Amino acid sequence: LDDYQGRGIATILLKHLCAIARALGVSEFTANVLGGNRKMIEVLISSGFAVRHMLDSGITRLSFQIQDHEGHR
């Protein structure tokens, strides 16, 4: 583990990526995460978005609409 893990950097990056993506007309994110990467899965599930997920051959596939919490795209 490096010194920056567990400090919320992934959450901050996700927030910025969503803002940039919305500005470019992107409405949905899909992520394929190794099943053992529980921390990344938790970041996405606890992001505040309605995340759909399924497990396939050790890979967790997560997808979610990236409208903001006020419902704007």
C-alpha atoms as a PDB file:
ATOM      1  CA  LEU A   1       0.000   0.000   0.000  1.00  0.00           C
ATOM      2  CA  ASP A   2       1.216   3.448  -0.779  1.00  0.00           C
ATOM      3  CA  ASP A   3       0.905   6.543   1.417  1.00  0.00           C
ATOM      4  CA  TYR A   4      -2.042   7.930  -0.565  1.00  0.00           C
ATOM      5  CA  GLN A   5      -4.438   4.974  -0.351  1.00  0.00           C
ATOM      6  CA  GLY A   6      -7.524   5.488   1.778  1.00  0.00           C
ATOM      7  CA  ARG A   7      -7.399   9.296   1.653  1.00  0.00           C
ATOM      8  CA  GLY A   8     -10.339   9.879  -0.669  1.00  0.00           C
ATOM      9  CA  ILE A   9      -8.349  10.620  -3.818  1.00  0.00           C
ATOM     10  CA  ALA A  10     -10.398   8.164  -5.921  1.00  0.00           C
ATOM     11  CA  THR A  11     -13.616   9.848  -4.756  1.00  0.00           C
ATOM     12  CA  ILE A  12     -12.278  13.289  -5.687  1.00  0.00           C
ATOM     13  CA  LEU A  13     -11.098  12.042  -9.093  1.00  0.00           C
ATOM     14  CA  LEU A  14     -14.471  10.416  -9.756  1.00  0.00           C
ATOM     15  CA  LYS A  15     -16.262  13.691  -8.965  1.00  0.00           C
ATOM     16  CA  HIS A  16     -14.023  15.614 -11.384  1.00  0.00           C
ATOM     17  CA  LEU A  17     -14.321  12.933 -14.094  1.00  0.00           C
ATOM     18  CA  CYS A  18     -18.109  13.077 -13.823  1.00  0.00           C
ATOM     19  CA  ALA A  19     -18.132  16.865 -14.199  1.00  0.00           C
ATOM     20  CA  ILE A  20     -15.874  16.724 -17.276  1.00  0.00           C
ATOM     21  CA  ALA A  21     -17.836  13.846 -18.784  1.00  0.00           C
ATOM     22  CA  ARG A  22     -21.184  15.620 -18.301  1.00  0.00           C
ATOM     23  CA  ALA A  23     -19.756  18.737 -19.971  1.00  0.00           C
ATOM     24  CA  LEU A  24     -18.813  16.551 -22.952  1.00  0.00           C
ATOM     25  CA  GLY A  25     -22.259  14.950 -23.140  1.00  0.00           C
ATOM     26  CA  VAL A  26     -21.407  11.621 -21.495  1.00  0.00           C
ATOM     27  CA  SER A  27     -24.317  10.310 -19.443  1.00  0.00           C
ATOM     28  CA  GLU A  28     -23.144   6.932 -18.136  1.00  0.00           C
ATOM     29  CA  PHE A  29     -19.963   5.359 -16.780  1.00  0.00           C
ATOM     30  CA  THR A  30     -19.104   1.682 -16.870  1.00  0.00           C
ATOM     31  CA  ALA A  31     -16.200   0.235 -14.879  1.00  0.00           C
ATOM     32  CA  ASN A  32     -14.712  -3.244 -14.885  1.00  0.00           C
ATOM     33  CA  VAL A  33     -13.033  -3.828 -11.530  1.00  0.00           C
ATOM     34  CA  LEU A  34     -11.171  -6.911 -10.365  1.00  0.00           C
ATOM     35  CA  GLY A  35     -13.323  -8.650  -7.775  1.00  0.00           C
ATOM     36  CA  GLY A  36     -10.520  -8.439  -5.204  1.00  0.00           C
ATOM     37  CA  ASN A  37     -10.349  -4.642  -5.453  1.00  0.00           C
ATOM     38  CA  ARG A  38     -12.980  -4.114  -2.764  1.00  0.00           C
ATOM     39  CA  LYS A  39     -11.904  -0.540  -2.030  1.00  0.00           C
ATOM     40  CA  MET A  40     -12.557   0.623  -5.602  1.00  0.00           C
ATOM     41  CA  ILE A  41     -15.873  -1.204  -5.694  1.00  0.00           C
ATOM     42  CA  GLU A  42     -16.839   0.508  -2.423  1.00  0.00           C
ATOM     43  CA  VAL A  43     -15.849   3.933  -3.829  1.00  0.00           C
ATOM     44  CA  LEU A  44     -18.144   3.454  -6.806  1.00  0.00           C
ATOM     45  CA  ILE A  45     -21.048   1.969  -4.853  1.00  0.00           C
ATOM     46  CA  SER A  46     -20.880   4.698  -2.187  1.00  0.00           C
ATOM     47  CA  SER A  47     -20.553   7.492  -4.784  1.00  0.00           C
ATOM     48  CA  GLY A  48     -24.177   8.556  -4.394  1.00  0.00           C
ATOM     49  CA  PHE A  49     -25.116   7.340  -7.867  1.00  0.00           C
ATOM     50  CA  ALA A  50     -27.484   4.436  -8.466  1.00  0.00           C
ATOM     51  CA  VAL A  51     -24.878   1.810  -9.343  1.00  0.00           C
ATOM     52  CA  ARG A  52     -25.820  -1.423 -11.093  1.00  0.00           C
ATOM     53  CA  HIS A  53     -23.299  -4.214 -10.741  1.00  0.00           C
ATOM     54  CA  MET A  54     -22.760  -7.809 -11.692  1.00  0.00           C
ATOM     55  CA  LEU A  55     -19.952 -10.303 -11.193  1.00  0.00           C
ATOM     56  CA  ASP A  56     -18.583 -12.253 -14.154  1.00  0.00           C
ATOM     57  CA  SER A  57     -15.476 -14.472 -14.010  1.00  0.00           C
ATOM     58  CA  GLY A  58     -13.912 -12.537 -11.124  1.00  0.00           C
ATOM     59  CA  ILE A  59     -14.597  -9.127 -12.682  1.00  0.00           C
ATOM     60  CA  THR A  60     -17.209  -6.814 -11.184  1.00  0.00           C
ATOM     61  CA  ARG A  61     -18.879  -4.689 -13.854  1.00  0.00           C
ATOM     62  CA  LEU A  62     -20.430  -1.518 -12.477  1.00  0.00           C
ATOM     63  CA  SER A  63     -22.425   1.056 -14.416  1.00  0.00           C
ATOM     64  CA  PHE A  64     -24.241   4.216 -13.412  1.00  0.00           C
ATOM     65  CA  GLN A  65     -25.807   7.353 -14.830  1.00  0.00           C
ATOM     66  CA  ILE A  66     -23.634  10.360 -13.963  1.00  0.00           C
ATOM     67  CA  GLN A  67     -26.247  13.024 -13.494  1.00  0.00           C
ATOM     68  CA  ASP A  68     -25.467  15.141 -10.467  1.00  0.00           C
ATOM     69  CA  HIS A  69     -27.345  14.899  -7.216  1.00  0.00           C
ATOM     70  CA  GLU A  70     -29.744  17.674  -8.241  1.00  0.00           C
ATOM     71  CA  GLY A  71     -30.730  15.623 -11.294  1.00  0.00           C
ATOM     72  CA  HIS A  72     -28.948  17.788 -13.883  1.00  0.00           C
ATOM     73  CA  ARG A  73     -27.020  16.171 -16.698  1.00  0.00           C
END
